[in-house]
Amino acid sequence: MAWYRQAPGKQRELVASIGGSNTATYTDSVKGRFT
């Protein structure tokens, strides 16, 4: 599963993902701030 976001006038981007084993990945701009 993943979270995406779309800012006004911009393309939708992948923010974070999490696998079935709870392994999470984050885009660089949110690392350390989003969980």
PDB file of all heavy atoms in Angstrom:
ATOM      1  N   MET A   1       0.848  -1.190   0.000  1.00  0.00           N
ATOM      2  CA  MET A   1       0.000   0.000   0.000  1.00  0.00           C
ATOM      3  C   MET A   1       0.882   1.238   0.000  1.00  0.00           C
ATOM      4  O   MET A   1       2.042   1.206   0.459  1.00  0.00           O
ATOM      5  CB  MET A   1      -0.898  -0.001   1.225  1.00  0.00           C
ATOM      6  CG  MET A   1      -2.033  -1.003   1.145  1.00  0.00           C
ATOM      7  SD  MET A   1      -3.188  -0.606  -0.194  1.00  0.00           S
ATOM      8  CE  MET A   1      -3.784   1.018   0.310  1.00  0.00           C
ATOM      9  N   ALA A   2       0.318   2.330  -0.474  1.00  0.00           N
ATOM     10  CA  ALA A   2       1.111   3.546  -0.588  1.00  0.00           C
ATOM     11  C   ALA A   2       0.243   4.783  -0.427  1.00  0.00           C
ATOM     12  O   ALA A   2      -0.976   4.733  -0.645  1.00  0.00           O
ATOM     13  CB  ALA A   2       1.819   3.587  -1.940  1.00  0.00           C
ATOM     14  N   TRP A   3       0.895   5.850  -0.053  1.00  0.00           N
ATOM     15  CA  TRP A   3       0.287   7.176  -0.056  1.00  0.00           C
ATOM     16  C   TRP A   3       0.915   7.988  -1.184  1.00  0.00           C
ATOM     17  O   TRP A   3       2.130   7.958  -1.366  1.00  0.00           O
ATOM     18  CB  TRP A   3       0.502   7.888   1.279  1.00  0.00           C
ATOM     19  CG  TRP A   3      -0.450   7.423   2.320  1.00  0.00           C
ATOM     20  CD1 TRP A   3      -0.231   6.488   3.284  1.00  0.00           C
ATOM     21  CD2 TRP A   3      -1.809   7.863   2.488  1.00  0.00           C
ATOM     22  NE1 TRP A   3      -1.365   6.313   4.049  1.00  0.00           N
ATOM     23  CE2 TRP A   3      -2.347   7.157   3.579  1.00  0.00           C
ATOM     24  CE3 TRP A   3      -2.621   8.779   1.824  1.00  0.00           C
ATOM     25  CZ2 TRP A   3      -3.649   7.327   4.031  1.00  0.00           C
ATOM     26  CZ3 TRP A   3      -3.918   8.958   2.263  1.00  0.00           C
ATOM     27  CH2 TRP A   3      -4.428   8.247   3.352  1.00  0.00           C
ATOM     28  N   TYR A   4       0.048   8.695  -1.884  1.00  0.00           N
ATOM     29  CA  TYR A   4       0.459   9.573  -2.957  1.00  0.00           C
ATOM     30  C   TYR A   4      -0.082  10.962  -2.631  1.00  0.00           C
ATOM     31  O   TYR A   4      -0.998  11.109  -1.819  1.00  0.00           O
ATOM     32  CB  TYR A   4      -0.151   9.119  -4.292  1.00  0.00           C
ATOM     33  CG  TYR A   4       0.213   7.714  -4.703  1.00  0.00           C
ATOM     34  CD1 TYR A   4      -0.415   6.605  -4.135  1.00  0.00           C
ATOM     35  CD2 TYR A   4       1.189   7.481  -5.678  1.00  0.00           C
ATOM     36  CE1 TYR A   4      -0.089   5.303  -4.519  1.00  0.00           C
ATOM     37  CE2 TYR A   4       1.527   6.196  -6.062  1.00  0.00           C
ATOM     38  CZ  TYR A   4       0.879   5.118  -5.476  1.00  0.00           C
ATOM     39  OH  TYR A   4       1.214   3.835  -5.858  1.00  0.00           O
ATOM     40  N   ARG A   5       0.464  11.977  -3.264  1.00  0.00           N
ATOM     41  CA  ARG A   5      -0.092  13.312  -3.089  1.00  0.00           C
ATOM     42  C   ARG A   5       0.003  14.091  -4.404  1.00  0.00           C
ATOM     43  O   ARG A   5       0.874  13.827  -5.230  1.00  0.00           O
ATOM     44  CB  ARG A   5       0.624  14.082  -1.979  1.00  0.00           C
ATOM     45  CG  ARG A   5       2.071  14.433  -2.263  1.00  0.00           C
ATOM     46  CD  ARG A   5       2.715  15.076  -1.035  1.00  0.00           C
ATOM     47  NE  ARG A   5       4.120  15.410  -1.267  1.00  0.00           N
ATOM     48  CZ  ARG A   5       4.936  15.861  -0.316  1.00  0.00           C
ATOM     49  NH1 ARG A   5       4.489  16.043   0.924  1.00  0.00           N
ATOM     50  NH2 ARG A   5       6.192  16.143  -0.612  1.00  0.00           N
ATOM     51  N   GLN A   6      -0.924  15.019  -4.536  1.00  0.00           N
ATOM     52  CA  GLN A   6      -0.934  15.865  -5.720  1.00  0.00           C
ATOM     53  C   GLN A   6      -1.129  17.307  -5.278  1.00  0.00           C
ATOM     54  O   GLN A   6      -2.181  17.660  -4.728  1.00  0.00           O
ATOM     55  CB  GLN A   6      -2.040  15.453  -6.690  1.00  0.00           C
ATOM     56  CG  GLN A   6      -1.979  16.202  -8.013  1.00  0.00           C
ATOM     57  CD  GLN A   6      -2.845  15.566  -9.078  1.00  0.00           C
ATOM     58  OE1 GLN A   6      -3.756  14.789  -8.803  1.00  0.00           O
ATOM     59  NE2 GLN A   6      -2.555  15.877 -10.341  1.00  0.00           N
ATOM     60  N   ALA A   7      -0.119  18.092  -5.511  1.00  0.00           N
ATOM     61  CA  ALA A   7      -0.170  19.519  -5.199  1.00  0.00           C
ATOM     62  C   ALA A   7      -0.783  20.265  -6.383  1.00  0.00           C
ATOM     63  O   ALA A   7      -0.746  19.776  -7.517  1.00  0.00           O
ATOM     64  CB  ALA A   7       1.222  20.036  -4.901  1.00  0.00           C
ATOM     65  N   PRO A   8      -1.329  21.434  -6.138  1.00  0.00           N
ATOM     66  CA  PRO A   8      -1.941  22.203  -7.233  1.00  0.00           C
ATOM     67  C   PRO A   8      -0.968  22.424  -8.382  1.00  0.00           C
ATOM     68  O   PRO A   8       0.168  22.859  -8.174  1.00  0.00           O
ATOM     69  CB  PRO A   8      -2.307  23.532  -6.560  1.00  0.00           C
ATOM     70  CG  PRO A   8      -2.488  23.190  -5.116  1.00  0.00           C
ATOM     71  CD  PRO A   8      -1.474  22.117  -4.843  1.00  0.00           C
ATOM     72  N   GLY A   9      -1.400  22.086  -9.588  1.00  0.00           N
ATOM     73  CA  GLY A   9      -0.590  22.294 -10.770  1.00  0.00           C
ATOM     74  C   GLY A   9       0.548  21.316 -10.950  1.00  0.00           C
ATOM     75  O   GLY A   9       1.381  21.491 -11.856  1.00  0.00           O
ATOM     76  N   LYS A  10       0.607  20.281 -10.124  1.00  0.00           N
ATOM     77  CA  LYS A  10       1.706  19.325 -10.211  1.00  0.00           C
ATOM     78  C   LYS A  10       1.172  17.917 -10.423  1.00  0.00           C
ATOM     79  O   LYS A  10       0.000  17.635 -10.191  1.00  0.00           O
ATOM     80  CB  LYS A  10       2.573  19.383  -8.957  1.00  0.00           C
ATOM     81  CG  LYS A  10       3.297  20.704  -8.775  1.00  0.00           C
ATOM     82  CD  LYS A  10       4.285  20.622  -7.635  1.00  0.00           C
ATOM     83  CE  LYS A  10       5.080  21.915  -7.505  1.00  0.00           C
ATOM     84  NZ  LYS A  10       6.084  21.841  -6.413  1.00  0.00           N
ATOM     85  N   GLN A  11       2.044  17.029 -10.846  1.00  0.00           N
ATOM     86  CA  GLN A  11       1.663  15.637 -11.023  1.00  0.00           C
ATOM     87  C   GLN A  11       1.588  14.923  -9.685  1.00  0.00           C
ATOM     88  O   GLN A  11       2.242  15.313  -8.715  1.00  0.00           O
ATOM     89  CB  GLN A  11       2.688  14.932 -11.933  1.00  0.00           C
ATOM     90  CG  GLN A  11       2.620  15.366 -13.381  1.00  0.00           C
ATOM     91  CD  GLN A  11       3.493  14.501 -14.273  1.00  0.00           C
ATOM     92  OE1 GLN A  11       4.518  13.980 -13.834  1.00  0.00           O
ATOM     93  NE2 GLN A  11       3.106  14.353 -15.524  1.00  0.00           N
ATOM     94  N   ARG A  12       0.791  13.883  -9.653  1.00  0.00           N
ATOM     95  CA  ARG A  12       0.698  13.071  -8.459  1.00  0.00           C
ATOM     96  C   ARG A  12       2.030  12.380  -8.219  1.00  0.00           C
ATOM     97  O   ARG A  12       2.659  11.882  -9.152  1.00  0.00           O
ATOM     98  CB  ARG A  12      -0.415  12.035  -8.631  1.00  0.00           C
ATOM     99  CG  ARG A  12      -0.881  11.369  -7.359  1.00  0.00           C
ATOM    100  CD  ARG A  12      -2.142  10.569  -7.636  1.00  0.00           C
ATOM    101  NE  ARG A  12      -3.251  11.430  -8.019  1.00  0.00           N
ATOM    102  CZ  ARG A  12      -4.449  10.984  -8.360  1.00  0.00           C
ATOM    103  NH1 ARG A  12      -4.680   9.687  -8.393  1.00  0.00           N
ATOM    104  NH2 ARG A  12      -5.402  11.808  -8.696  1.00  0.00           N
ATOM    105  N   GLU A  13       2.469  12.334  -6.966  1.00  0.00           N
ATOM    106  CA  GLU A  13       3.748  11.711  -6.642  1.00  0.00           C
ATOM    107  C   GLU A  13       3.584  10.705  -5.508  1.00  0.00           C
ATOM    108  O   GLU A  13       2.723  10.835  -4.637  1.00  0.00           O
ATOM    109  CB  GLU A  13       4.788  12.766  -6.247  1.00  0.00           C
ATOM    110  CG  GLU A  13       4.483  13.506  -4.968  1.00  0.00           C
ATOM    111  CD  GLU A  13       5.645  14.351  -4.444  1.00  0.00           C
ATOM    112  OE1 GLU A  13       6.806  14.097  -4.824  1.00  0.00           O
ATOM    113  OE2 GLU A  13       5.370  15.271  -3.645  1.00  0.00           O
ATOM    114  N   LEU A  14       4.454   9.705  -5.536  1.00  0.00           N
ATOM    115  CA  LEU A  14       4.490   8.702  -4.486  1.00  0.00           C
ATOM    116  C   LEU A  14       5.199   9.274  -3.269  1.00  0.00           C
ATOM    117  O   LEU A  14       6.307   9.786  -3.382  1.00  0.00           O
ATOM    118  CB  LEU A  14       5.206   7.441  -4.983  1.00  0.00           C
ATOM    119  CG  LEU A  14       5.440   6.331  -3.979  1.00  0.00           C
ATOM    120  CD1 LEU A  14       4.127   5.745  -3.494  1.00  0.00           C
ATOM    121  CD2 LEU A  14       6.306   5.238  -4.616  1.00  0.00           C
ATOM    122  N   VAL A  15       4.571   9.176  -2.109  1.00  0.00           N
ATOM    123  CA  VAL A  15       5.129   9.728  -0.878  1.00  0.00           C
ATOM    124  C   VAL A  15       5.734   8.639  -0.004  1.00  0.00           C
ATOM    125  O   VAL A  15       6.845   8.779   0.499  1.00  0.00           O
ATOM    126  CB  VAL A  15       4.035  10.477  -0.087  1.00  0.00           C
ATOM    127  CG1 VAL A  15       4.580  10.964   1.252  1.00  0.00           C
ATOM    128  CG2 VAL A  15       3.489  11.639  -0.909  1.00  0.00           C
ATOM    129  N   ALA A  16       4.996   7.557   0.200  1.00  0.00           N
ATOM    130  CA  ALA A  16       5.453   6.490   1.092  1.00  0.00           C
ATOM    131  C   ALA A  16       4.757   5.197   0.710  1.00  0.00           C
ATOM    132  O   ALA A  16       3.639   5.217   0.198  1.00  0.00           O
ATOM    133  CB  ALA A  16       5.163   6.842   2.547  1.00  0.00           C
ATOM    134  N   SER A  17       5.410   4.099   0.989  1.00  0.00           N
ATOM    135  CA  SER A  17       4.808   2.791   0.731  1.00  0.00           C
ATOM    136  C   SER A  17       5.110   1.866   1.892  1.00  0.00           C
ATOM    137  O   SER A  17       6.081   2.060   2.631  1.00  0.00           O
ATOM    138  CB  SER A  17       5.314   2.195  -0.581  1.00  0.00           C
ATOM    139  OG  SER A  17       6.682   1.904  -0.492  1.00  0.00           O
ATOM    140  N   ILE A  18       4.284   0.832   2.027  1.00  0.00           N
ATOM    141  CA  ILE A  18       4.493  -0.146   3.087  1.00  0.00           C
ATOM    142  C   ILE A  18       4.064  -1.510   2.582  1.00  0.00           C
ATOM    143  O   ILE A  18       2.988  -1.677   2.006  1.00  0.00           O
ATOM    144  CB  ILE A  18       3.730   0.256   4.367  1.00  0.00           C
ATOM    145  CG1 ILE A  18       4.066  -0.690   5.522  1.00  0.00           C
ATOM    146  CG2 ILE A  18       2.228   0.341   4.124  1.00  0.00           C
ATOM    147  CD1 ILE A  18       3.616  -0.173   6.881  1.00  0.00           C
ATOM    148  N   GLY A  19       4.931  -2.502   2.805  1.00  0.00           N
ATOM    149  CA  GLY A  19       4.638  -3.848   2.366  1.00  0.00           C
ATOM    150  C   GLY A  19       3.947  -4.651   3.460  1.00  0.00           C
ATOM    151  O   GLY A  19       3.740  -4.190   4.573  1.00  0.00           O
ATOM    152  N   GLY A  20       3.601  -5.875   3.106  1.00  0.00           N
ATOM    153  CA  GLY A  20       2.912  -6.730   4.056  1.00  0.00           C
ATOM    154  C   GLY A  20       3.711  -7.018   5.309  1.00  0.00           C
ATOM    155  O   GLY A  20       3.150  -7.265   6.372  1.00  0.00           O
ATOM    156  N   SER A  21       5.035  -6.965   5.192  1.00  0.00           N
ATOM    157  CA  SER A  21       5.898  -7.196   6.352  1.00  0.00           C
ATOM    158  C   SER A  21       6.206  -5.911   7.094  1.00  0.00           C
ATOM    159  O   SER A  21       7.093  -5.872   7.943  1.00  0.00           O
ATOM    160  CB  SER A  21       7.207  -7.841   5.888  1.00  0.00           C
ATOM    161  OG  SER A  21       7.859  -7.001   4.962  1.00  0.00           O
ATOM    162  N   ASN A  22       5.465  -4.847   6.750  1.00  0.00           N
ATOM    163  CA  ASN A  22       5.645  -3.526   7.370  1.00  0.00           C
ATOM    164  C   ASN A  22       6.950  -2.840   7.009  1.00  0.00           C
ATOM    165  O   ASN A  22       7.377  -1.927   7.709  1.00  0.00           O
ATOM    166  CB  ASN A  22       5.496  -3.592   8.892  1.00  0.00           C
ATOM    167  CG  ASN A  22       4.044  -3.776   9.311  1.00  0.00           C
ATOM    168  OD1 ASN A  22       3.129  -3.291   8.654  1.00  0.00           O
ATOM    169  ND2 ASN A  22       3.838  -4.500  10.396  1.00  0.00           N
ATOM    170  N   THR A  23       7.564  -3.270   5.929  1.00  0.00           N
ATOM    171  CA  THR A  23       8.736  -2.559   5.426  1.00  0.00           C
ATOM    172  C   THR A  23       8.263  -1.290   4.731  1.00  0.00           C
ATOM    173  O   THR A  23       7.460  -1.348   3.805  1.00  0.00           O
ATOM    174  CB  THR A  23       9.505  -3.435   4.429  1.00  0.00           C
ATOM    175  OG1 THR A  23       9.920  -4.626   5.093  1.00  0.00           O
ATOM    176  CG2 THR A  23      10.723  -2.696   3.904  1.00  0.00           C
ATOM    177  N   ALA A  24       8.766  -0.151   5.182  1.00  0.00           N
ATOM    178  CA  ALA A  24       8.301   1.143   4.663  1.00  0.00           C
ATOM    179  C   ALA A  24       9.398   1.846   3.875  1.00  0.00           C
ATOM    180  O   ALA A  24      10.586   1.710   4.187  1.00  0.00           O
ATOM    181  CB  ALA A  24       7.839   2.039   5.813  1.00  0.00           C
ATOM    182  N   THR A  25       8.982   2.574   2.859  1.00  0.00           N
ATOM    183  CA  THR A  25       9.904   3.426   2.096  1.00  0.00           C
ATOM    184  C   THR A  25       9.274   4.801   1.981  1.00  0.00           C
ATOM    185  O   THR A  25       8.044   4.943   2.015  1.00  0.00           O
ATOM    186  CB  THR A  25      10.179   2.857   0.696  1.00  0.00           C
ATOM    187  OG1 THR A  25       8.946   2.811  -0.042  1.00  0.00           O
ATOM    188  CG2 THR A  25      10.760   1.460   0.765  1.00  0.00           C
ATOM    189  N   TYR A  26      10.120   5.815   1.825  1.00  0.00           N
ATOM    190  CA  TYR A  26       9.666   7.197   1.776  1.00  0.00           C
ATOM    191  C   TYR A  26      10.410   7.961   0.696  1.00  0.00           C
ATOM    192  O   TYR A  26      11.596   7.713   0.448  1.00  0.00           O
ATOM    193  CB  TYR A  26       9.905   7.895   3.119  1.00  0.00           C
ATOM    194  CG  TYR A  26       9.228   7.228   4.291  1.00  0.00           C
ATOM    195  CD1 TYR A  26       9.875   6.252   5.030  1.00  0.00           C
ATOM    196  CD2 TYR A  26       7.933   7.583   4.653  1.00  0.00           C
ATOM    197  CE1 TYR A  26       9.248   5.620   6.095  1.00  0.00           C
ATOM    198  CE2 TYR A  26       7.295   6.974   5.721  1.00  0.00           C
ATOM    199  CZ  TYR A  26       7.956   5.990   6.432  1.00  0.00           C
ATOM    200  OH  TYR A  26       7.322   5.376   7.494  1.00  0.00           O
ATOM    201  N   THR A  27       9.724   8.906   0.097  1.00  0.00           N
ATOM    202  CA  THR A  27      10.415   9.807  -0.796  1.00  0.00           C
ATOM    203  C   THR A  27      11.307  10.718   0.057  1.00  0.00           C
ATOM    204  O   THR A  27      11.012  10.974   1.235  1.00  0.00           O
ATOM    205  CB  THR A  27       9.413  10.641  -1.626  1.00  0.00           C
ATOM    206  OG1 THR A  27      10.100  11.327  -2.663  1.00  0.00           O
ATOM    207  CG2 THR A  27       8.671  11.653  -0.769  1.00  0.00           C
ATOM    208  N   ASP A  28      12.418  11.163  -0.525  1.00  0.00           N
ATOM    209  CA  ASP A  28      13.419  11.882   0.260  1.00  0.00           C
ATOM    210  C   ASP A  28      12.860  13.093   1.003  1.00  0.00           C
ATOM    211  O   ASP A  28      13.266  13.397   2.124  1.00  0.00           O
ATOM    212  CB  ASP A  28      14.568  12.334  -0.653  1.00  0.00           C
ATOM    213  CG  ASP A  28      15.481  11.185  -1.055  1.00  0.00           C
ATOM    214  OD1 ASP A  28      15.384  10.092  -0.446  1.00  0.00           O
ATOM    215  OD2 ASP A  28      16.284  11.367  -1.977  1.00  0.00           O
ATOM    216  N   SER A  29      11.924  13.786   0.396  1.00  0.00           N
ATOM    217  CA  SER A  29      11.441  15.041   0.979  1.00  0.00           C
ATOM    218  C   SER A  29      10.647  14.852   2.270  1.00  0.00           C
ATOM    219  O   SER A  29      10.425  15.818   3.002  1.00  0.00           O
ATOM    220  CB  SER A  29      10.592  15.796  -0.041  1.00  0.00           C
ATOM    221  OG  SER A  29       9.432  15.070  -0.372  1.00  0.00           O
ATOM    222  N   VAL A  30      10.214  13.624   2.560  1.00  0.00           N
ATOM    223  CA  VAL A  30       9.422  13.404   3.781  1.00  0.00           C
ATOM    224  C   VAL A  30      10.119  12.490   4.778  1.00  0.00           C
ATOM    225  O   VAL A  30       9.590  12.256   5.874  1.00  0.00           O
ATOM    226  CB  VAL A  30       8.020  12.840   3.452  1.00  0.00           C
ATOM    227  CG1 VAL A  30       7.322  13.703   2.414  1.00  0.00           C
ATOM    228  CG2 VAL A  30       8.088  11.390   3.001  1.00  0.00           C
ATOM    229  N   LYS A  31      11.282  11.988   4.440  1.00  0.00           N
ATOM    230  CA  LYS A  31      11.995  11.084   5.355  1.00  0.00           C
ATOM    231  C   LYS A  31      12.258  11.768   6.682  1.00  0.00           C
ATOM    232  O   LYS A  31      12.695  12.922   6.727  1.00  0.00           O
ATOM    233  CB  LYS A  31      13.317  10.641   4.721  1.00  0.00           C
ATOM    234  CG  LYS A  31      13.169   9.569   3.658  1.00  0.00           C
ATOM    235  CD  LYS A  31      14.519   9.171   3.074  1.00  0.00           C
ATOM    236  CE  LYS A  31      14.359   8.110   2.007  1.00  0.00           C
ATOM    237  NZ  LYS A  31      15.655   7.762   1.371  1.00  0.00           N
ATOM    238  N   GLY A  32      11.978  11.034   7.754  1.00  0.00           N
ATOM    239  CA  GLY A  32      12.185  11.581   9.092  1.00  0.00           C
ATOM    240  C   GLY A  32      11.031  12.426   9.596  1.00  0.00           C
ATOM    241  O   GLY A  32      11.007  12.814  10.766  1.00  0.00           O
ATOM    242  N   ARG A  33      10.067  12.711   8.718  1.00  0.00           N
ATOM    243  CA  ARG A  33       8.919  13.538   9.123  1.00  0.00           C
ATOM    244  C   ARG A  33       7.601  12.781   9.023  1.00  0.00           C
ATOM    245  O   ARG A  33       6.684  13.035   9.799  1.00  0.00           O
ATOM    246  CB  ARG A  33       8.842  14.796   8.238  1.00  0.00           C
ATOM    247  CG  ARG A  33      10.076  15.662   8.292  1.00  0.00           C
ATOM    248  CD  ARG A  33       9.855  16.992   7.566  1.00  0.00           C
ATOM    249  NE  ARG A  33       9.553  16.843   6.156  1.00  0.00           N
ATOM    250  CZ  ARG A  33       8.442  17.264   5.579  1.00  0.00           C
ATOM    251  NH1 ARG A  33       7.491  17.852   6.297  1.00  0.00           N
ATOM    252  NH2 ARG A  33       8.257  17.114   4.266  1.00  0.00           N
ATOM    253  N   PHE A  34       7.492  11.878   8.077  1.00  0.00           N
ATOM    254  CA  PHE A  34       6.250  11.122   7.865  1.00  0.00           C
ATOM    255  C   PHE A  34       6.452   9.672   8.270  1.00  0.00           C
ATOM    256  O   PHE A  34       7.536   9.116   8.100  1.00  0.00           O
ATOM    257  CB  PHE A  34       5.836  11.164   6.392  1.00  0.00           C
ATOM    258  CG  PHE A  34       5.338  12.503   5.904  1.00  0.00           C
ATOM    259  CD1 PHE A  34       5.502  13.670   6.628  1.00  0.00           C
ATOM    260  CD2 PHE A  34       4.678  12.590   4.680  1.00  0.00           C
ATOM    261  CE1 PHE A  34       5.043  14.889   6.174  1.00  0.00           C
ATOM    262  CE2 PHE A  34       4.217  13.804   4.195  1.00  0.00           C
ATOM    263  CZ  PHE A  34       4.406  14.956   4.954  1.00  0.00           C
ATOM    264  N   THR A  35       5.394   9.053   8.762  1.00  0.00           N
ATOM    265  CA  THR A  35       5.425   7.645   9.118  1.00  0.00           C
ATOM    266  C   THR A  35       4.171   6.962   8.584  1.00  0.00           C
ATOM    267  O   THR A  35       3.052   7.363   8.910  1.00  0.00           O
ATOM    268  CB  THR A  35       5.483   7.448  10.641  1.00  0.00           C
ATOM    269  OG1 THR A  35       6.647   8.105  11.159  1.00  0.00           O
ATOM    270  CG2 THR A  35       5.561   5.958  10.987  1.00  0.00           C
TER     271      THR A  35
END
